[in-house]
Amino acid sequence: MLSIRLYTTAALLLMGLVAQGQSPVLSLDSVLQRISLGNPMLREFESRAKAQNAMAEGARSQMAPMVGAGVFMYPYPGQMEMEGQDDAMFMTAVEQEITNPAKLRAREKYQLSKAAIEEAGRDKAFNQLRAQAKTAYYQWVVLEKKKSVLLENQRIMQFMLKLGKVRYPYNQSSLGSIYKAEGRLGEVENMLVMNDSEIIRMNIQLNMLMNLPPETRFRIDTTAQAPKLTVLPDTAYLSAARSDIRQLDRTIESMRLNLRLENMQRKPDFGIRFENMMPRDRMMPQSFTLMGMVSIPIAPWSSKMYKSNIKAMDFEIQGMQKGRESLLNEAQAMVATMAQELQTKQTQVRNYETKIIPALRRNYETTMLSYEQNTSQLPLVIDAWEALNMAQMEYLNNLEQLYLIGVNYEKELEK
C-alpha cells in the first residue's frame, strides 16, 4: 500500500508540473521505478499472487460436518404392532470426515508454491516492460541528438542561402545553387517535423508503460549512457539472475510439491460418526452409536489412480528439467552473441566520434571558409555539408543500434 501511495503522489506531482507548463526531467531510473509501481500488468500479477496466498490460508481446513435426523425401525403406517416389540426410535446423527493432517500440510505448501510462480511471473513481465521502456527512452535520446543536428543544419542552410542571395546580384553565386540550398533547407524542416512527431510518440509510449495519461509531457536525460559490456556470465549466474529461469524453477518446485501431495493419497483419511436414538416409549433407555472409520487407499482397486498420476507427474518434471537446461544453453549463447555485437558496434561508434565526423567537419569548415573568402562555390559547400550531415546521421543511427543491442544484452542478463 505504501508503494502505491508513493506512486500515486509522484504521478499527481508530475501531472501538476505539466499542468503548470513545467516539463519535468525524468531519468531512466525514475521511469523504471514508476513502471514497477504503477503498471497495470504488474499489479495484475501481484493480485494473482495475493489470491493464491489467500487460498493457501484455507488449505488446512477440514470438511464441513454433517448432521441428520430421522427414525429407526419405525413401522409403516397401518401395520399392527405386536406388544413388546416396539423398537422404533427417533434418531439424530453427527458425522465428521477428517482429512489426514499430512495431506493438508502438503496441500498448503503446494498452494503457496503457486503464489511463488505468480511472483516470478511478475519479475519476468517487468523484465519485458523494462526492455520496452529502455528502448523507447534510448530512442528518444537519439531523437533529441538528431534534433540538435537538424537545428544546426537548419541554421547552416539558412546562412548559406542568405549568403548566396546576397552574392547573387554580384555574380558571385548561381541561381541554381540558391535553389539547391532552398531545397535542402526544406528537407531539413521536413525532417524536423518528423523527428518531433517521433519524440511525441516515444513520450506517449512511456506514458502508457507508466500508466499516465497520453497527453502527459516530460523531458528526458539526454546524457544517458549506453549499456557497458560485462564479463560473460556462466549458467550459474544466469540461473540466479534470469526471471524466466526462476519462474521455471518455481514451476518445477510446485510440480514436485503437487507430486508429494499426490503421494499423500496413499495415507488414510479418517471419519467419526455419532448417533443418538430416543425410543418412543419413554420407559425405554436412550442409546447411542459411536463409530470411527478409516479409509484404505492402498487397496488395489483404488491405488491405481494415484499411482498413475504420480508416474505422469514424474515424467512432466523430467521434461521441465530438460527444457530448463535447453533454455539456459540458449541464453548463454544469446548473451555471447550479443556481447560480440555490442563490442563491434561500440568500435564503430567510437570511430565515428574520433575519426570520421571530425575529418568531415574539418572538410566542411575549410570549404565554408573558402566560400566566405570567394575562393569556392556554394555547391561545393553544400556537398561538404551533405557529407558531414550524412555521417552525423549515420553516427546517430549506429548509436541507436548500440543502445538497442545494449538493451537486449541487459534484458538477457536481467539487468
Protein backbone atom coordinates (compact mmCIF):
# COMPACT_ATOMS: atom_id res chain seq x y z
CA MET A 1 0.00 0.00 0.00
CA LEU A 2 2.88 2.35 0.79
CA SER A 3 4.43 1.84 -2.65
CA ILE A 4 1.08 2.52 -4.33
CA ARG A 5 0.69 5.74 -2.35
CA LEU A 6 4.20 6.85 -3.29
CA TYR A 7 3.50 6.15 -6.95
CA THR A 8 0.18 8.00 -6.81
CA THR A 9 1.82 11.02 -5.18
CA ALA A 10 4.61 11.05 -7.76
CA ALA A 11 2.14 10.76 -10.62
CA LEU A 12 -0.01 13.61 -9.28
CA LEU A 13 3.10 15.76 -8.83
CA LEU A 14 4.20 15.02 -12.38
CA MET A 15 0.79 15.89 -13.83
CA GLY A 16 0.70 19.03 -11.67
CA LEU A 17 4.00 20.24 -13.09
CA VAL A 18 2.76 19.56 -16.61
CA ALA A 19 -0.46 21.48 -15.88
CA GLN A 20 1.64 24.45 -14.76
CA GLY A 21 3.54 24.41 -18.04
CA GLN A 22 6.69 22.93 -16.50
CA SER A 23 8.12 19.84 -18.18
CA PRO A 24 9.92 17.77 -15.56
CA VAL A 25 13.04 15.80 -16.45
CA LEU A 26 12.69 12.07 -15.80
CA SER A 27 15.77 9.92 -15.63
CA LEU A 28 15.66 6.35 -16.88
CA ASP A 29 15.71 5.03 -13.31
CA SER A 30 12.70 7.19 -12.44
CA VAL A 31 10.78 5.88 -15.43
CA LEU A 32 11.57 2.27 -14.50
CA GLN A 33 10.54 2.87 -10.90
CA ARG A 34 7.19 4.32 -11.96
CA ILE A 35 6.62 1.33 -14.24
CA SER A 36 7.42 -1.07 -11.40
CA LEU A 37 4.95 0.64 -9.08
CA GLY A 38 2.11 1.57 -11.40
CA ASN A 39 1.97 -0.63 -14.49
CA PRO A 40 -1.40 -2.45 -14.54
CA MET A 41 0.08 -5.68 -15.88
CA LEU A 42 2.50 -5.93 -12.95
CA ARG A 43 -0.25 -5.14 -10.46
CA GLU A 44 -2.30 -7.92 -12.03
CA PHE A 45 0.45 -10.42 -11.19
CA GLU A 46 0.59 -9.04 -7.64
CA SER A 47 -3.17 -9.56 -7.26
CA ARG A 48 -2.87 -13.11 -8.55
CA ALA A 49 -0.12 -13.88 -6.03
CA LYS A 50 -2.25 -12.44 -3.23
CA ALA A 51 -5.16 -14.59 -4.41
CA GLN A 52 -3.02 -17.74 -4.23
CA ASN A 53 -1.78 -16.78 -0.76
CA ALA A 54 -5.36 -16.19 0.35
CA MET A 55 -6.35 -19.62 -0.94
CA ALA A 56 -3.41 -21.15 0.95
CA GLU A 57 -4.80 -19.76 4.21
CA GLY A 58 -7.71 -22.19 3.97
CA ALA A 59 -5.73 -25.17 2.69
CA ARG A 60 -5.70 -26.86 6.11
CA SER A 61 -9.45 -26.66 6.57
CA GLN A 62 -11.40 -29.86 7.20
CA MET A 63 -14.63 -30.85 5.53
CA ALA A 64 -17.84 -29.42 6.96
CA PRO A 65 -19.63 -31.69 9.48
CA MET A 66 -22.91 -33.33 8.53
CA VAL A 67 -25.93 -33.64 10.80
CA GLY A 68 -29.07 -35.63 10.27
CA ALA A 69 -32.32 -36.68 11.92
CA GLY A 70 -34.76 -39.48 11.27
CA VAL A 71 -36.37 -42.65 12.67
CA PHE A 72 -35.01 -46.10 13.41
CA MET A 73 -37.02 -49.32 12.94
CA TYR A 74 -40.21 -47.28 12.66
CA PRO A 75 -43.17 -49.41 11.41
CA TYR A 76 -45.05 -48.44 8.28
CA PRO A 77 -48.44 -46.82 8.84
CA GLY A 78 -51.38 -49.27 9.10
CA GLN A 79 -49.36 -52.23 10.33
CA MET A 80 -50.32 -53.97 13.53
CA GLU A 81 -47.76 -53.57 16.24
CA MET A 82 -47.02 -56.57 18.43
CA GLU A 83 -46.95 -55.99 22.15
CA GLY A 84 -43.42 -55.78 23.49
CA GLN A 85 -41.88 -55.37 20.05
CA ASP A 86 -41.96 -51.59 19.75
CA ASP A 87 -38.30 -50.93 18.99
CA ALA A 88 -38.96 -47.79 16.93
CA MET A 89 -36.79 -44.83 17.85
CA PHE A 90 -36.22 -41.25 16.85
CA MET A 91 -32.63 -40.73 15.75
CA THR A 92 -30.15 -37.86 15.35
CA ALA A 93 -26.67 -38.20 13.87
CA VAL A 94 -23.49 -36.15 13.53
CA GLU A 95 -20.70 -37.15 11.12
CA GLN A 96 -17.28 -35.59 10.51
CA GLU A 97 -14.75 -36.60 7.89
CA ILE A 98 -11.16 -35.93 9.00
CA THR A 99 -8.60 -35.49 6.23
CA ASN A 100 -5.14 -36.74 7.08
CA PRO A 101 -3.16 -33.74 8.51
CA ALA A 102 -0.15 -34.65 6.36
CA LYS A 103 -2.32 -34.17 3.26
CA LEU A 104 -3.46 -30.75 4.50
CA ARG A 105 0.12 -29.59 5.09
CA ALA A 106 1.15 -30.81 1.63
CA ARG A 107 -1.84 -29.03 0.09
CA GLU A 108 -0.89 -25.76 1.82
CA LYS A 109 2.70 -25.91 0.59
CA TYR A 110 1.52 -26.64 -2.95
CA GLN A 111 -0.86 -23.68 -2.87
CA LEU A 112 1.90 -21.36 -1.60
CA SER A 113 4.16 -22.54 -4.42
CA LYS A 114 1.57 -21.34 -6.95
CA ALA A 115 1.82 -17.87 -5.42
CA ALA A 116 5.60 -18.00 -5.86
CA ILE A 117 5.09 -18.78 -9.57
CA GLU A 118 2.94 -15.65 -9.94
CA GLU A 119 5.61 -13.55 -8.21
CA ALA A 120 8.25 -14.89 -10.59
CA GLY A 121 5.87 -14.17 -13.47
CA ARG A 122 5.73 -10.55 -12.33
CA ASP A 123 9.53 -10.33 -12.45
CA LYS A 124 9.50 -11.83 -15.95
CA ALA A 125 6.85 -9.37 -17.13
CA PHE A 126 8.77 -6.46 -15.59
CA ASN A 127 11.89 -7.52 -17.47
CA GLN A 128 9.90 -7.31 -20.71
CA LEU A 129 8.43 -3.92 -19.79
CA ARG A 130 11.82 -2.65 -18.65
CA ALA A 131 13.30 -3.54 -22.04
CA GLN A 132 10.43 -1.74 -23.81
CA ALA A 133 10.92 1.34 -21.63
CA LYS A 134 14.68 1.37 -22.19
CA THR A 135 14.18 1.01 -25.95
CA ALA A 136 11.75 3.95 -26.07
CA TYR A 137 13.91 6.05 -23.73
CA TYR A 138 17.14 5.49 -25.68
CA GLN A 139 15.37 6.09 -28.99
CA TRP A 140 14.14 9.37 -27.53
CA VAL A 141 17.73 10.23 -26.53
CA VAL A 142 18.87 9.65 -30.12
CA LEU A 143 15.93 11.67 -31.45
CA GLU A 144 16.96 14.60 -29.24
CA LYS A 145 20.52 14.34 -30.58
CA LYS A 146 19.16 14.22 -34.14
CA LYS A 147 17.07 17.27 -33.40
CA SER A 148 20.18 19.17 -32.31
CA VAL A 149 21.94 18.17 -35.54
CA LEU A 150 18.92 19.14 -37.64
CA LEU A 151 18.60 22.52 -35.94
CA GLU A 152 22.29 23.15 -36.59
CA ASN A 153 21.80 22.09 -40.21
CA GLN A 154 18.83 24.42 -40.50
CA ARG A 155 20.94 27.29 -39.20
CA ILE A 156 23.76 26.46 -41.61
CA MET A 157 21.47 26.21 -44.63
CA GLN A 158 19.72 29.44 -43.75
CA PHE A 159 23.12 31.13 -43.51
CA MET A 160 24.31 29.69 -46.83
CA LEU A 161 21.03 30.63 -48.51
CA LYS A 162 21.21 34.15 -47.16
CA LEU A 163 24.85 34.47 -48.21
CA GLY A 164 24.04 33.12 -51.70
CA LYS A 165 21.22 35.61 -52.18
CA VAL A 166 23.48 38.47 -51.12
CA ARG A 167 26.19 37.43 -53.59
CA TYR A 168 23.89 36.65 -56.50
CA PRO A 169 23.50 40.28 -57.68
CA TYR A 170 27.30 40.49 -57.90
CA ASN A 171 27.57 37.28 -59.97
CA GLN A 172 29.33 35.55 -57.09
CA SER A 173 26.62 32.88 -56.75
CA SER A 174 24.45 31.00 -59.24
CA LEU A 175 20.68 30.81 -59.20
CA GLY A 176 20.82 27.01 -59.32
CA SER A 177 22.91 26.80 -56.17
CA ILE A 178 20.41 29.06 -54.39
CA TYR A 179 17.53 26.79 -55.41
CA LYS A 180 19.55 23.77 -54.29
CA ALA A 181 20.09 25.38 -50.88
CA GLU A 182 16.36 26.16 -50.62
CA GLY A 183 15.54 22.52 -51.40
CA ARG A 184 17.98 21.25 -48.77
CA LEU A 185 16.51 23.68 -46.24
CA GLY A 186 13.00 22.36 -46.95
CA GLU A 187 14.23 18.78 -46.48
CA VAL A 188 15.74 19.67 -43.11
CA GLU A 189 12.49 21.31 -41.99
CA ASN A 190 10.52 18.21 -43.01
CA MET A 191 12.94 16.03 -41.06
CA LEU A 192 12.48 18.27 -38.02
CA VAL A 193 8.71 17.86 -38.19
CA MET A 194 9.03 14.07 -38.46
CA ASN A 195 11.60 14.00 -35.66
CA ASP A 196 9.31 15.97 -33.32
CA SER A 197 6.47 13.59 -34.15
CA GLU A 198 8.66 10.60 -33.21
CA ILE A 199 9.59 12.26 -29.90
CA ILE A 200 5.90 12.65 -29.03
CA ARG A 201 5.32 9.00 -29.94
CA MET A 202 8.08 7.89 -27.56
CA ASN A 203 6.60 10.14 -24.86
CA ILE A 204 3.17 8.52 -25.30
CA GLN A 205 4.67 5.02 -25.23
CA LEU A 206 6.47 5.71 -21.95
CA ASN A 207 3.26 7.25 -20.54
CA MET A 208 1.44 4.04 -21.39
CA LEU A 209 4.08 1.93 -19.62
CA MET A 210 3.97 4.22 -16.55
CA ASN A 211 0.13 4.23 -16.56
CA LEU A 212 -0.01 8.01 -17.11
CA PRO A 213 -2.40 9.93 -19.38
CA PRO A 214 -1.19 10.04 -23.02
CA GLU A 215 -1.11 13.85 -23.01
CA THR A 216 1.40 13.99 -20.13
CA ARG A 217 4.61 15.64 -21.32
CA PHE A 218 8.06 15.45 -19.76
CA ARG A 219 11.70 15.66 -20.79
CA ILE A 220 14.42 13.06 -20.55
CA ASP A 221 18.04 12.96 -19.51
CA THR A 222 19.92 13.08 -22.82
CA THR A 223 23.21 12.22 -21.09
CA ALA A 224 22.09 8.62 -20.56
CA GLN A 225 24.98 6.29 -21.31
CA ALA A 226 24.81 3.17 -23.45
CA PRO A 227 24.99 -0.17 -21.60
CA LYS A 228 28.52 -1.40 -20.98
CA LEU A 229 29.93 -4.81 -21.81
CA THR A 230 30.43 -7.03 -18.76
CA VAL A 231 32.21 -10.31 -18.20
CA LEU A 232 30.35 -13.11 -19.93
CA PRO A 233 28.30 -14.95 -17.29
CA ASP A 234 28.14 -18.69 -16.76
CA THR A 235 24.98 -20.79 -16.38
CA ALA A 236 25.08 -20.46 -12.58
CA TYR A 237 24.84 -16.67 -12.85
CA LEU A 238 22.07 -16.89 -15.45
CA SER A 239 20.13 -19.34 -13.28
CA ALA A 240 20.13 -16.85 -10.40
CA ALA A 241 19.64 -13.69 -12.48
CA ARG A 242 17.05 -14.53 -15.11
CA SER A 243 13.40 -14.28 -14.08
CA ASP A 244 12.22 -16.81 -16.67
CA ILE A 245 14.61 -19.40 -15.22
CA ARG A 246 13.42 -18.55 -11.71
CA GLN A 247 9.82 -18.92 -12.84
CA LEU A 248 10.67 -22.29 -14.38
CA ASP A 249 12.43 -23.37 -11.17
CA ARG A 250 9.39 -22.40 -9.11
CA THR A 251 7.12 -24.22 -11.54
CA ILE A 252 9.24 -27.36 -11.17
CA GLU A 253 9.19 -26.96 -7.38
CA SER A 254 5.42 -26.56 -7.49
CA MET A 255 5.13 -29.72 -9.58
CA ARG A 256 7.26 -31.56 -7.04
CA LEU A 257 5.02 -30.37 -4.23
CA ASN A 258 2.00 -31.48 -6.25
CA LEU A 259 3.72 -34.85 -6.72
CA ARG A 260 4.24 -35.03 -2.97
CA LEU A 261 0.56 -34.18 -2.45
CA GLU A 262 -0.38 -36.99 -4.82
CA ASN A 263 1.91 -39.34 -2.89
CA MET A 264 -0.04 -38.45 0.23
CA GLN A 265 -3.12 -40.11 -1.30
CA ARG A 266 -1.74 -43.42 -0.07
CA LYS A 267 -2.21 -42.20 3.52
CA PRO A 268 -5.56 -42.99 5.11
CA ASP A 269 -8.27 -40.47 5.96
CA PHE A 270 -10.46 -40.75 9.00
CA GLY A 271 -14.05 -40.27 9.97
CA ILE A 272 -16.22 -40.29 13.08
CA ARG A 273 -19.98 -40.79 13.37
CA PHE A 274 -22.17 -40.34 16.44
CA GLU A 275 -25.84 -41.41 16.52
CA ASN A 276 -28.29 -40.79 19.34
CA MET A 277 -31.51 -42.86 19.48
CA MET A 278 -34.56 -41.97 21.57
CA PRO A 279 -37.30 -44.65 21.86
CA ARG A 280 -40.96 -43.72 21.53
CA ASP A 281 -41.60 -45.40 24.79
CA ARG A 282 -40.15 -43.10 27.38
CA MET A 283 -39.74 -46.01 29.75
CA MET A 284 -37.06 -47.39 27.44
CA PRO A 285 -33.48 -46.09 27.87
CA GLN A 286 -31.87 -43.90 25.23
CA SER A 287 -28.97 -45.40 23.30
CA PHE A 288 -26.19 -44.19 21.05
CA THR A 289 -23.77 -45.39 18.45
CA LEU A 290 -20.20 -44.09 18.14
CA MET A 291 -18.21 -45.23 15.14
CA GLY A 292 -14.70 -44.42 13.95
CA MET A 293 -13.76 -45.01 10.30
CA VAL A 294 -10.55 -45.13 8.33
CA SER A 295 -10.05 -45.30 4.56
CA ILE A 296 -7.86 -47.96 2.93
CA PRO A 297 -6.28 -46.19 -0.04
CA ILE A 298 -3.74 -48.98 -0.63
CA ALA A 299 -6.49 -51.29 -1.84
CA PRO A 300 -5.55 -52.44 -5.39
CA TRP A 301 -8.79 -51.15 -6.96
CA SER A 302 -8.28 -47.65 -5.52
CA SER A 303 -4.48 -47.20 -5.63
CA LYS A 304 -4.16 -47.46 -9.40
CA MET A 305 -5.38 -43.89 -10.00
CA TYR A 306 -2.89 -42.06 -7.79
CA LYS A 307 -0.05 -44.33 -8.83
CA SER A 308 -0.69 -43.43 -12.49
CA ASN A 309 -0.85 -39.73 -11.59
CA ILE A 310 2.47 -39.97 -9.73
CA LYS A 311 4.11 -41.62 -12.73
CA ALA A 312 2.78 -38.97 -15.12
CA MET A 313 3.89 -36.08 -12.88
CA ASP A 314 7.37 -37.55 -12.60
CA PHE A 315 7.69 -37.58 -16.41
CA GLU A 316 6.43 -33.98 -16.60
CA ILE A 317 9.07 -32.86 -14.10
CA GLN A 318 11.80 -34.57 -16.10
CA GLY A 319 10.58 -32.81 -19.23
CA MET A 320 10.59 -29.42 -17.47
CA GLN A 321 14.16 -30.01 -16.27
CA LYS A 322 15.31 -30.73 -19.83
CA GLY A 323 13.52 -27.60 -21.01
CA ARG A 324 15.30 -25.59 -18.31
CA GLU A 325 18.66 -26.94 -19.46
CA SER A 326 17.87 -26.05 -23.06
CA LEU A 327 16.75 -22.54 -22.08
CA LEU A 328 20.00 -21.95 -20.15
CA ASN A 329 22.14 -23.09 -23.08
CA GLU A 330 20.19 -20.86 -25.45
CA ALA A 331 20.50 -17.89 -23.09
CA GLN A 332 24.25 -18.34 -22.70
CA ALA A 333 24.72 -18.48 -26.48
CA MET A 334 22.48 -15.43 -26.94
CA VAL A 335 24.44 -13.42 -24.37
CA ALA A 336 27.74 -14.33 -26.04
CA THR A 337 26.40 -13.31 -29.48
CA MET A 338 25.04 -10.00 -28.20
CA ALA A 339 28.28 -9.28 -26.37
CA GLN A 340 30.15 -9.64 -29.66
CA GLU A 341 27.64 -7.39 -31.47
CA LEU A 342 27.86 -4.83 -28.66
CA GLN A 343 31.65 -4.77 -28.84
CA THR A 344 31.61 -4.36 -32.64
CA LYS A 345 29.04 -1.58 -32.50
CA GLN A 346 30.98 0.23 -29.76
CA THR A 347 34.04 0.23 -32.04
CA GLN A 348 32.02 1.60 -34.96
CA VAL A 349 30.51 4.39 -32.84
CA ARG A 350 33.92 5.30 -31.44
CA ASN A 351 35.35 5.52 -34.98
CA TYR A 352 32.59 7.93 -35.96
CA GLU A 353 33.25 10.05 -32.88
CA THR A 354 37.04 10.17 -33.13
CA LYS A 355 37.80 9.84 -36.85
CA ILE A 356 35.02 10.13 -39.40
CA ILE A 357 32.98 13.08 -38.12
CA PRO A 358 35.97 15.23 -37.06
CA ALA A 359 37.56 14.77 -40.51
CA LEU A 360 34.37 15.64 -42.40
CA ARG A 361 33.73 18.59 -40.08
CA ARG A 362 37.20 19.98 -40.85
CA ASN A 363 36.50 19.48 -44.56
CA TYR A 364 33.21 21.38 -44.27
CA GLU A 365 34.77 24.20 -42.23
CA THR A 366 37.62 24.53 -44.72
CA THR A 367 35.21 24.63 -47.68
CA MET A 368 32.95 27.11 -45.88
CA LEU A 369 35.91 29.35 -45.11
CA SER A 370 36.95 29.27 -48.77
CA TYR A 371 33.41 30.18 -49.81
CA GLU A 372 33.36 33.11 -47.40
CA GLN A 373 36.66 34.25 -48.95
CA ASN A 374 35.25 33.91 -52.51
CA THR A 375 37.66 31.10 -53.37
CA SER A 376 34.99 28.37 -53.51
CA GLN A 377 31.46 27.91 -54.85
CA LEU A 378 28.24 27.29 -52.90
CA PRO A 379 27.62 23.79 -54.44
CA LEU A 380 30.96 22.64 -53.01
CA VAL A 381 29.94 23.92 -49.59
CA ILE A 382 26.60 22.12 -49.87
CA ASP A 383 28.38 18.91 -50.88
CA ALA A 384 30.72 19.18 -47.91
CA TRP A 385 27.77 19.87 -45.64
CA GLU A 386 25.84 16.90 -47.04
CA ALA A 387 28.79 14.59 -46.43
CA LEU A 388 29.07 15.80 -42.85
CA ASN A 389 25.30 15.61 -42.34
CA MET A 390 25.12 12.05 -43.70
CA ALA A 391 27.97 11.00 -41.43
CA GLN A 392 26.32 12.57 -38.41
CA MET A 393 23.02 10.86 -39.15
CA GLU A 394 24.77 7.54 -39.77
CA TYR A 395 26.60 8.00 -36.48
CA LEU A 396 23.31 8.58 -34.67
CA ASN A 397 21.78 5.53 -36.37
CA ASN A 398 24.73 3.46 -35.20
CA LEU A 399 24.38 4.98 -31.73
CA GLU A 400 20.72 3.97 -31.68
CA GLN A 401 21.67 0.43 -32.71
CA LEU A 402 24.27 0.42 -29.92
CA TYR A 403 21.58 1.40 -27.42
CA LEU A 404 19.17 -1.26 -28.69
CA ILE A 405 21.79 -4.02 -28.69
CA GLY A 406 22.69 -2.96 -25.16
CA VAL A 407 19.03 -3.12 -24.11
CA ASN A 408 18.69 -6.67 -25.45
CA TYR A 409 22.02 -7.58 -23.83
CA GLU A 410 20.82 -6.33 -20.45
CA LYS A 411 17.47 -8.00 -20.99
CA GLU A 412 19.22 -11.36 -21.39
CA LEU A 413 21.30 -10.62 -18.28
CA GLU A 414 18.19 -9.42 -16.38
CA LYS A 415 19.69 -6.03 -15.53
